[in-house]
Amino acid sequence: MRTIQSIFMSILILGAVDVSAQQCGDPGVEYYSGQILTFANNPVTVGFLCPGIPDYDPSEITNLRNAFENDNKYKGKITFISNPSKKYWCHTYAWANKEDFRLDSPLSTGSSAATYLTDYSYVKVTTPVQGGVVAYGVYHSAQIKNVNTNPVTVRSKWGDGAVYEHPINLCPWDIYSLTYYATKPDFTKSSSIICINTTFTITTNLSSDHSYVWSKCSSNLTQDPNNPGKFTATGSGSASVTIKIDNKKEIDHTFIIYDKPTIPNGVVGSDYVTTYSSTYYYVSVSSALTPFSINWSLGGGSYNLSPTTGSYTYATFYETTSYYLNAAASNSCGTTYAFKYIQVPYSPSPAYPNPVSDILSVEIEQHTIDRAKALQKSASDAKSTSADPTFDIRLYDGLGNLLRQTSTNGGTVQFNVSNLPAGNYYLHIYDGVSDKPEMQQILVEH
């Protein structure tokens, strides 16, 4: 007695019956002809189960399933997906991803299944492609479900039997004559991440049974005229290349060209702070490529900076000097830096003696000069661009009347206040950059 498996093989090898001249209701006729469209929108004639023809009953389904699921070769190694059915065969499930008609065999002739190859709904490739098809010889086909398992996992209808998910090399078919197909080949780039201003190559797993040319590329790519598969990324964003297969079918490959991060608003936070105060700073980083990192550093006097990674930090400044806060945003394509100049103000320039009776001395110390130079360099509205700032020193009474005035580039200047009435006066020192002066109250006594 022939086994159920051998009957499956015989049915599959015979292929679909030519139903073009038969009608439902004729003796022995179970299928009628009809047309469907391939993925390339070409019509193909297939067989549909005639109305009134019953599908397998529960007992037949059980027997068909048990034939394989109780076989020690497959038991516990295959996963049941859906019940046996007369409506469709393995080619229908694999090539058309349908379950309601029959595509006939073999693939090597002008069969309905072979139409999916001749009209370029699929192309032949050298390695399994996710979502593609594997052909076992010319009589059986399976969907490729997972190329990341070892062996590759496929899903197929076993003859008139059930649909199973199984290892590619575990089925009733010829596992030594495998051919792979895909709606589009895999494209492999020489770098997994394409960055702007880099050069890379693209290859495909298209079978040598096909010829192809690189027919075009997007405007943010330039193609090497001596090596058509070699490209240079000239702009970030979406990019694409196109191959033309056998001078008939064009297939696009789209990918992203990345750039280093941007810090559009720079470092946000105060430019002028006081000593021993904890000040908050942050950056907003834009990066199409993830992951990216942000690192902070601070130069100048003594300080505490925490955290040193992430979108924000707190800085505490321990000296009255100039500091430079740096945020570095990095991804695989490079690093962008943003700087902030931070000034920790000095104490006002000393005027002495105070109280004073005759000669008031005002000393412009070197650190005050350095501070004015730094402000002069960084301030966008600087009133002076001189390398040597000029200090305007004025003495006012309580009514705002200007009583004494002089200027200097540094060192010590003196005011004679011996003829001023006793009382409070106000010393203003302008550094030539800031609108607001440093001020100090002076007490005149006689």
Protein backbone atom coordinates (compact mmCIF):
# COMPACT_ATOMS: atom_id res chain seq x y z
CA MET A 1 0.00 0.00 0.00
CA ARG A 2 1.31 3.45 -0.89
CA THR A 3 1.92 5.84 2.01
CA ILE A 4 0.18 9.19 2.31
CA GLN A 5 3.56 10.89 1.83
CA SER A 6 4.17 9.08 -1.48
CA ILE A 7 0.69 10.05 -2.66
CA PHE A 8 1.53 13.71 -1.86
CA MET A 9 4.68 13.44 -3.94
CA SER A 10 2.82 11.94 -6.89
CA ILE A 11 0.17 14.66 -6.83
CA LEU A 12 2.79 17.39 -6.61
CA ILE A 13 4.89 16.01 -9.46
CA LEU A 14 1.89 15.61 -11.77
CA GLY A 15 1.10 19.28 -11.32
CA ALA A 16 -2.26 20.92 -11.62
CA VAL A 17 -4.78 19.44 -14.02
CA ASP A 18 -5.45 21.47 -17.15
CA VAL A 19 -8.87 22.82 -16.27
CA SER A 20 -9.19 25.26 -19.13
CA ALA A 21 -11.62 23.00 -21.07
CA GLN A 22 -13.45 21.60 -18.08
CA GLN A 23 -16.38 22.91 -16.12
CA CYS A 24 -17.54 22.44 -12.59
CA GLY A 25 -20.17 19.71 -12.55
CA ASP A 26 -18.43 17.59 -15.18
CA PRO A 27 -17.59 14.10 -13.94
CA GLY A 28 -14.38 14.11 -11.93
CA VAL A 29 -13.94 17.88 -12.19
CA GLU A 30 -13.04 19.51 -8.87
CA TYR A 31 -11.40 22.71 -10.12
CA TYR A 32 -12.24 25.47 -12.55
CA SER A 33 -9.87 27.90 -14.18
CA GLY A 34 -9.57 31.55 -13.32
CA GLN A 35 -7.01 34.32 -13.35
CA ILE A 36 -5.08 36.18 -10.69
CA LEU A 37 -2.38 38.84 -10.95
CA THR A 38 1.25 38.32 -10.03
CA PHE A 39 3.18 40.88 -8.01
CA ALA A 40 4.22 42.38 -11.36
CA ASN A 41 0.50 42.74 -12.23
CA ASN A 42 0.60 40.09 -14.94
CA PRO A 43 -2.37 37.70 -15.29
CA VAL A 44 -1.83 34.00 -14.68
CA THR A 45 -4.31 31.14 -14.96
CA VAL A 46 -4.88 29.14 -11.79
CA GLY A 47 -7.28 26.51 -10.50
CA PHE A 48 -10.07 27.23 -7.99
CA LEU A 49 -11.94 24.55 -6.07
CA CYS A 50 -15.41 24.16 -7.59
CA PRO A 51 -18.38 25.30 -5.50
CA GLY A 52 -19.95 22.34 -3.78
CA ILE A 53 -16.74 20.32 -3.70
CA PRO A 54 -16.06 19.74 -0.02
CA ASP A 55 -12.68 20.35 1.51
CA TYR A 56 -11.15 17.70 3.76
CA ASP A 57 -13.37 16.54 6.60
CA PRO A 58 -12.07 16.38 10.20
CA SER A 59 -11.12 12.72 9.90
CA GLU A 60 -9.13 13.31 6.72
CA ILE A 61 -7.44 16.31 8.29
CA THR A 62 -6.40 14.23 11.28
CA ASN A 63 -4.97 11.48 9.06
CA LEU A 64 -3.10 13.94 6.87
CA ARG A 65 -1.56 15.66 9.87
CA ASN A 66 -0.69 12.45 11.70
CA ALA A 67 1.18 11.19 8.66
CA PHE A 68 3.89 13.72 9.41
CA GLU A 69 3.43 14.85 12.98
CA ASN A 70 3.70 11.29 14.32
CA ASP A 71 6.68 10.48 12.12
CA ASN A 72 9.80 10.34 14.30
CA LYS A 73 11.70 12.23 11.62
CA TYR A 74 9.52 15.30 12.16
CA LYS A 75 7.89 14.80 15.55
CA GLY A 76 8.65 17.72 17.86
CA LYS A 77 10.76 19.42 15.17
CA ILE A 78 8.07 21.06 13.04
CA THR A 79 5.41 23.60 14.05
CA PHE A 80 1.84 23.25 12.84
CA ILE A 81 0.47 26.45 11.27
CA SER A 82 -2.81 25.64 9.47
CA ASN A 83 -4.93 22.64 8.47
CA PRO A 84 -4.69 20.61 5.26
CA SER A 85 -6.78 21.92 2.38
CA LYS A 86 -7.58 21.01 -1.21
CA LYS A 87 -7.84 24.66 -2.18
CA TYR A 88 -4.14 25.39 -2.68
CA TRP A 89 -0.68 23.87 -2.98
CA CYS A 90 2.76 24.78 -1.75
CA HIS A 91 3.54 27.05 -4.72
CA THR A 92 0.43 29.14 -3.99
CA TYR A 93 1.46 29.59 -0.36
CA ALA A 94 5.12 30.29 -1.17
CA TRP A 95 4.97 32.47 -4.29
CA ALA A 96 1.59 34.19 -4.08
CA ASN A 97 1.19 34.11 -0.26
CA LYS A 98 -2.41 32.99 -0.83
CA GLU A 99 -4.56 30.05 0.28
CA ASP A 100 -7.44 29.95 -2.18
CA PHE A 101 -6.16 28.65 -5.56
CA ARG A 102 -3.63 26.27 -7.09
CA LEU A 103 -0.49 27.24 -8.95
CA ASP A 104 0.81 24.33 -11.02
CA SER A 105 4.31 22.88 -11.34
CA PRO A 106 7.07 22.60 -12.32
CA LEU A 107 8.94 25.88 -11.99
CA SER A 108 11.15 25.11 -14.99
CA THR A 109 8.31 25.17 -17.54
CA GLY A 110 5.65 27.67 -18.58
CA SER A 111 3.58 26.75 -15.53
CA SER A 112 1.55 29.29 -13.58
CA ALA A 113 4.07 29.14 -10.75
CA ALA A 114 6.94 29.80 -13.16
CA THR A 115 5.23 33.01 -14.29
CA TYR A 116 6.35 34.60 -11.01
CA LEU A 117 9.91 34.16 -12.26
CA THR A 118 9.55 35.07 -15.91
CA ASP A 119 7.75 38.33 -15.13
CA TYR A 120 10.31 39.29 -12.45
CA SER A 121 7.89 39.15 -9.53
CA TYR A 122 10.90 37.36 -8.04
CA VAL A 123 14.56 37.31 -8.98
CA LYS A 124 17.07 34.60 -8.29
CA VAL A 125 19.53 35.25 -5.46
CA THR A 126 22.49 33.40 -4.01
CA THR A 127 21.49 33.41 -0.34
CA PRO A 128 18.19 33.24 1.58
CA VAL A 129 16.34 36.57 1.83
CA GLN A 130 13.85 37.35 4.59
CA GLY A 131 10.36 37.04 3.11
CA GLY A 132 11.67 35.37 -0.03
CA VAL A 133 11.17 31.84 -1.37
CA VAL A 134 13.24 28.68 -1.43
CA ALA A 135 12.55 26.15 -4.18
CA TYR A 136 13.26 22.48 -3.51
CA GLY A 137 14.04 21.38 -7.06
CA VAL A 138 11.12 22.46 -9.27
CA TYR A 139 8.19 20.84 -7.48
CA HIS A 140 8.11 22.29 -4.00
CA SER A 141 8.51 25.80 -2.57
CA ALA A 142 8.53 27.41 0.88
CA GLN A 143 8.37 30.89 2.35
CA ILE A 144 11.55 32.02 4.08
CA LYS A 145 10.49 33.21 7.53
CA ASN A 146 13.70 33.75 9.49
CA VAL A 147 17.18 34.00 8.00
CA ASN A 148 18.73 34.59 11.43
CA THR A 149 18.17 31.06 12.72
CA ASN A 150 20.54 28.18 12.05
CA PRO A 151 19.35 26.52 9.97
CA VAL A 152 17.08 29.04 8.27
CA THR A 153 13.40 28.71 9.22
CA VAL A 154 10.81 28.35 6.45
CA ARG A 155 7.05 27.82 6.23
CA SER A 156 5.42 25.62 3.59
CA LYS A 157 2.40 23.54 2.71
CA TRP A 158 3.26 19.89 2.49
CA GLY A 159 1.40 18.71 -0.60
CA ASP A 160 -2.34 18.63 0.11
CA GLY A 161 -1.46 18.44 3.79
CA ALA A 162 -1.00 21.05 6.49
CA VAL A 163 1.19 24.16 6.57
CA TYR A 164 4.23 23.76 8.82
CA GLU A 165 7.06 25.97 9.98
CA HIS A 166 10.27 23.99 9.93
CA PRO A 167 14.04 24.09 9.42
CA ILE A 168 14.90 24.56 5.78
CA ASN A 169 16.60 21.17 5.68
CA LEU A 170 13.81 19.18 7.36
CA CYS A 171 10.91 18.37 5.01
CA PRO A 172 9.80 15.59 2.63
CA TRP A 173 11.46 17.25 -0.37
CA ASP A 174 14.87 17.28 -2.00
CA ILE A 175 16.91 19.37 0.44
CA TYR A 176 20.04 19.18 -1.73
CA SER A 177 18.69 21.17 -4.66
CA LEU A 178 17.81 24.50 -3.08
CA THR A 179 17.37 27.69 -5.10
CA TYR A 180 16.60 31.05 -3.52
CA TYR A 181 14.36 33.83 -4.83
CA ALA A 182 13.27 37.23 -3.57
CA THR A 183 11.10 40.11 -4.71
CA LYS A 184 14.29 42.16 -4.42
CA PRO A 185 17.85 41.09 -3.63
CA ASP A 186 19.69 41.99 -0.48
CA PHE A 187 22.00 44.99 -0.77
CA THR A 188 25.15 44.99 1.33
CA LYS A 189 27.12 48.15 1.99
CA SER A 190 30.79 48.14 2.95
CA SER A 191 29.87 50.06 6.11
CA SER A 192 26.84 49.37 8.25
CA ILE A 193 26.46 53.12 8.90
CA ILE A 194 26.89 55.54 6.03
CA CYS A 195 28.16 58.96 7.10
CA ILE A 196 28.27 62.13 5.06
CA ASN A 197 31.55 62.68 3.17
CA THR A 198 32.46 58.98 3.21
CA THR A 199 32.99 56.58 0.32
CA PHE A 200 31.48 53.09 0.33
CA THR A 201 30.59 50.20 -1.95
CA ILE A 202 27.30 48.38 -2.45
CA THR A 203 27.01 44.75 -3.54
CA THR A 204 23.99 42.48 -4.00
CA ASN A 205 23.29 38.77 -3.66
CA LEU A 206 21.68 38.69 -7.10
CA SER A 207 22.43 35.43 -8.89
CA SER A 208 24.88 35.43 -11.80
CA ASP A 209 21.97 34.10 -13.86
CA HIS A 210 20.97 37.77 -14.01
CA SER A 211 22.86 40.73 -15.37
CA TYR A 212 22.45 44.18 -13.90
CA VAL A 213 23.70 47.75 -14.05
CA TRP A 214 23.58 50.59 -11.55
CA SER A 215 21.14 52.79 -13.41
CA LYS A 216 20.85 55.84 -11.16
CA CYS A 217 21.37 57.28 -7.69
CA SER A 218 19.94 60.12 -5.61
CA SER A 219 21.34 63.66 -5.68
CA ASN A 220 23.19 63.25 -2.37
CA LEU A 221 25.36 60.49 -3.84
CA THR A 222 28.11 60.57 -6.43
CA GLN A 223 29.03 57.43 -8.33
CA ASP A 224 32.56 56.39 -9.17
CA PRO A 225 32.69 56.24 -12.99
CA ASN A 226 35.36 53.54 -12.84
CA ASN A 227 33.56 51.46 -10.22
CA PRO A 228 29.77 51.72 -10.60
CA GLY A 229 29.12 50.07 -7.24
CA LYS A 230 31.23 52.65 -5.41
CA PHE A 231 29.58 55.80 -4.08
CA THR A 232 30.43 58.91 -2.04
CA ALA A 233 27.86 60.40 0.33
CA THR A 234 27.69 64.14 -0.30
CA GLY A 235 24.60 65.03 1.73
CA SER A 236 22.69 63.66 4.68
CA GLY A 237 19.17 62.25 4.69
CA SER A 238 17.42 59.65 2.59
CA ALA A 239 19.43 58.24 -0.32
CA SER A 240 18.75 55.64 -2.98
CA VAL A 241 20.44 53.65 -5.71
CA THR A 242 18.74 51.73 -8.49
CA ILE A 243 19.81 48.59 -10.33
CA LYS A 244 18.32 47.45 -13.61
CA ILE A 245 18.17 43.67 -13.88
CA ASP A 246 18.49 41.99 -17.30
CA ASN A 247 17.62 45.39 -18.77
CA LYS A 248 14.00 44.74 -17.71
CA LYS A 249 13.32 45.30 -14.03
CA GLU A 250 14.46 48.22 -11.91
CA ILE A 251 14.84 47.79 -8.16
CA ASP A 252 15.53 50.63 -5.74
CA HIS A 253 17.59 50.38 -2.59
CA THR A 254 16.89 53.16 -0.11
CA PHE A 255 18.98 53.96 2.96
CA ILE A 256 19.95 56.85 5.23
CA ILE A 257 23.10 58.97 5.13
CA TYR A 258 23.90 60.27 8.58
CA ASP A 259 25.76 63.31 9.84
CA LYS A 260 27.36 64.14 13.16
CA PRO A 261 25.03 65.66 15.79
CA THR A 262 24.13 69.33 15.86
CA ILE A 263 23.73 71.59 18.90
CA PRO A 264 21.52 74.27 17.35
CA ASN A 265 21.15 76.48 20.42
CA GLY A 266 24.62 76.02 21.86
CA VAL A 267 25.17 75.74 25.59
CA VAL A 268 22.28 77.34 27.42
CA GLY A 269 22.89 78.94 30.83
CA SER A 270 24.27 82.00 32.54
CA ASP A 271 27.38 83.79 31.25
CA TYR A 272 27.99 85.57 34.55
CA VAL A 273 27.87 83.74 37.85
CA THR A 274 29.12 84.14 41.39
CA THR A 275 31.61 82.01 43.22
CA TYR A 276 30.39 78.87 45.03
CA SER A 277 27.01 78.95 43.29
CA SER A 278 25.78 75.79 41.52
CA THR A 279 24.68 76.83 38.03
CA TYR A 280 22.57 74.76 35.61
CA TYR A 281 23.60 74.38 31.94
CA TYR A 282 22.08 72.25 29.19
CA VAL A 283 22.17 71.51 25.47
CA SER A 284 19.54 70.34 23.00
CA VAL A 285 21.14 67.88 20.59
CA SER A 286 19.74 66.83 17.23
CA SER A 287 20.98 63.52 15.85
CA ALA A 288 19.25 61.29 13.30
CA LEU A 289 21.73 58.57 14.23
CA THR A 290 21.39 56.87 17.59
CA PRO A 291 22.87 56.26 19.99
CA PHE A 292 24.70 59.50 20.63
CA SER A 293 26.56 60.77 23.69
CA ILE A 294 27.08 64.15 25.35
CA ASN A 295 30.18 64.88 27.42
CA TRP A 296 30.93 68.02 29.42
CA SER A 297 34.26 69.58 30.37
CA LEU A 298 35.25 72.84 32.03
CA GLY A 299 38.44 74.84 31.84
CA GLY A 300 39.64 77.80 33.87
CA GLY A 301 40.01 77.99 37.63
CA SER A 302 39.01 75.38 40.21
CA TYR A 303 35.48 74.03 39.95
CA ASN A 304 33.13 71.11 40.43
CA LEU A 305 31.22 69.74 37.42
CA SER A 306 28.51 67.08 37.74
CA PRO A 307 27.27 65.13 35.89
CA THR A 308 29.83 65.09 33.11
CA THR A 309 27.61 63.15 30.69
CA GLY A 310 24.07 63.73 29.49
CA SER A 311 22.05 66.69 28.29
CA TYR A 312 22.68 68.88 31.36
CA THR A 313 25.25 69.60 34.04
CA TYR A 314 25.71 71.70 37.17
CA ALA A 315 28.89 73.76 37.54
CA THR A 316 30.21 75.28 40.75
CA PHE A 317 32.97 77.90 40.36
CA TYR A 318 35.46 78.42 43.16
CA GLU A 319 37.56 81.27 41.73
CA THR A 320 36.89 84.72 40.36
CA THR A 321 38.24 84.11 36.87
CA SER A 322 37.20 83.13 33.35
CA TYR A 323 35.92 79.61 32.60
CA TYR A 324 35.20 77.78 29.36
CA LEU A 325 32.40 75.20 29.43
CA ASN A 326 32.45 72.66 26.60
CA ALA A 327 29.68 70.25 25.50
CA ALA A 328 30.72 67.55 23.01
CA ALA A 329 27.93 65.63 21.24
CA SER A 330 29.13 62.49 19.45
CA ASN A 331 27.74 59.72 17.30
CA SER A 332 29.35 57.26 14.91
CA CYS A 333 29.71 59.99 12.28
CA GLY A 334 31.64 62.50 14.39
CA THR A 335 31.57 65.07 17.18
CA THR A 336 30.14 68.57 17.42
CA TYR A 337 31.35 71.00 20.09
CA ALA A 338 29.55 73.90 21.75
CA PHE A 339 31.39 76.34 24.03
CA LYS A 340 30.28 78.90 26.57
CA TYR A 341 32.52 81.57 28.03
CA ILE A 342 31.63 82.11 31.68
CA GLN A 343 32.83 85.04 33.75
CA VAL A 344 32.95 84.84 37.53
CA PRO A 345 33.11 88.53 38.55
CA TYR A 346 36.00 89.95 40.55
CA SER A 347 35.62 92.15 43.59
CA PRO A 348 35.57 95.84 42.71
CA SER A 349 38.95 97.45 42.21
CA PRO A 350 40.13 98.63 45.61
CA ALA A 351 40.05 102.35 46.43
CA TYR A 352 42.02 103.35 49.48
CA PRO A 353 42.17 104.66 52.05
CA ASN A 354 38.47 104.49 52.82
CA PRO A 355 37.53 106.64 54.77
CA VAL A 356 39.79 109.22 53.11
CA SER A 357 40.65 112.83 54.01
CA ASP A 358 42.92 114.01 51.19
CA ILE A 359 44.29 111.62 48.49
CA LEU A 360 42.09 108.74 47.26
CA SER A 361 44.02 106.07 45.36
CA VAL A 362 42.26 103.76 42.90
CA GLU A 363 44.20 100.71 41.71
CA ILE A 364 43.29 98.90 38.48
CA GLU A 365 44.85 95.49 39.09
CA GLN A 366 45.98 93.02 36.43
CA HIS A 367 43.10 90.61 37.00
CA THR A 368 40.67 93.48 36.34
CA ILE A 369 42.48 94.27 33.09
CA ASP A 370 42.40 90.58 32.05
CA ARG A 371 38.70 90.38 32.79
CA ALA A 372 37.99 93.46 30.66
CA LYS A 373 40.02 91.99 27.79
CA ALA A 374 38.06 88.73 27.94
CA LEU A 375 34.75 90.55 28.00
CA GLN A 376 35.90 92.78 25.15
CA LYS A 377 36.71 89.68 23.07
CA SER A 378 33.51 87.76 23.74
CA ALA A 379 30.85 90.45 23.96
CA SER A 380 28.97 90.82 20.67
CA ASP A 381 28.16 94.43 21.49
CA ALA A 382 31.65 95.35 22.61
CA LYS A 383 32.23 99.08 22.38
CA SER A 384 35.93 98.73 21.98
CA THR A 385 38.12 96.28 20.15
CA SER A 386 41.39 97.60 21.57
CA ALA A 387 43.76 95.02 22.99
CA ASP A 388 44.33 97.39 25.93
CA PRO A 389 40.99 98.39 27.50
CA THR A 390 40.63 101.91 28.82
CA PHE A 391 39.06 102.41 32.25
CA ASP A 392 36.97 105.51 32.89
CA ILE A 393 37.03 106.39 36.60
CA ARG A 394 34.53 108.86 38.02
CA LEU A 395 33.59 110.19 41.46
CA TYR A 396 30.01 111.40 42.10
CA ASP A 397 28.32 113.05 45.07
CA GLY A 398 25.01 111.85 46.48
CA LEU A 399 23.06 114.02 44.01
CA GLY A 400 24.74 112.43 40.97
CA ASN A 401 27.02 115.36 40.26
CA LEU A 402 30.31 114.39 38.61
CA LEU A 403 33.14 115.76 40.75
CA ARG A 404 36.27 113.96 39.57
CA GLN A 405 37.12 111.98 36.39
CA THR A 406 40.16 110.36 34.81
CA SER A 407 41.05 107.45 32.55
CA THR A 408 43.78 104.82 32.57
CA ASN A 409 44.86 101.55 30.95
CA GLY A 410 45.86 100.18 34.33
CA GLY A 411 47.87 100.89 37.42
CA THR A 412 46.99 103.45 40.09
CA VAL A 413 45.25 106.79 39.73
CA GLN A 414 44.58 109.38 42.44
CA PHE A 415 41.89 111.94 43.26
CA ASN A 416 42.50 114.84 45.65
CA VAL A 417 39.36 115.06 47.82
CA SER A 418 40.73 117.38 50.52
CA ASN A 419 38.48 120.24 49.44
CA LEU A 420 35.31 118.13 49.28
CA PRO A 421 32.83 118.41 52.14
CA ALA A 422 32.75 115.43 54.47
CA GLY A 423 30.17 112.85 53.48
CA ASN A 424 29.42 109.88 51.23
CA TYR A 425 30.62 109.81 47.62
CA TYR A 426 30.40 107.15 44.90
CA LEU A 427 33.24 105.84 42.78
CA HIS A 428 32.27 104.48 39.31
CA ILE A 429 34.74 102.43 37.26
CA TYR A 430 33.80 101.70 33.62
CA ASP A 431 35.80 99.03 31.81
CA GLY A 432 34.89 100.19 28.29
CA VAL A 433 32.73 97.10 27.62
CA SER A 434 29.98 96.84 30.19
CA ASP A 435 27.29 99.49 30.42
CA LYS A 436 27.18 99.10 34.17
CA PRO A 437 30.20 100.27 36.17
CA GLU A 438 31.75 98.72 39.21
CA MET A 439 30.76 100.97 42.12
CA GLN A 440 32.21 101.61 45.52
CA GLN A 441 31.02 103.93 48.27
CA ILE A 442 33.69 106.35 49.53
CA LEU A 443 33.52 108.14 52.89
CA VAL A 444 35.29 111.52 53.06
CA GLU A 445 36.22 112.71 56.57
CA HIS A 446 38.16 115.80 57.77
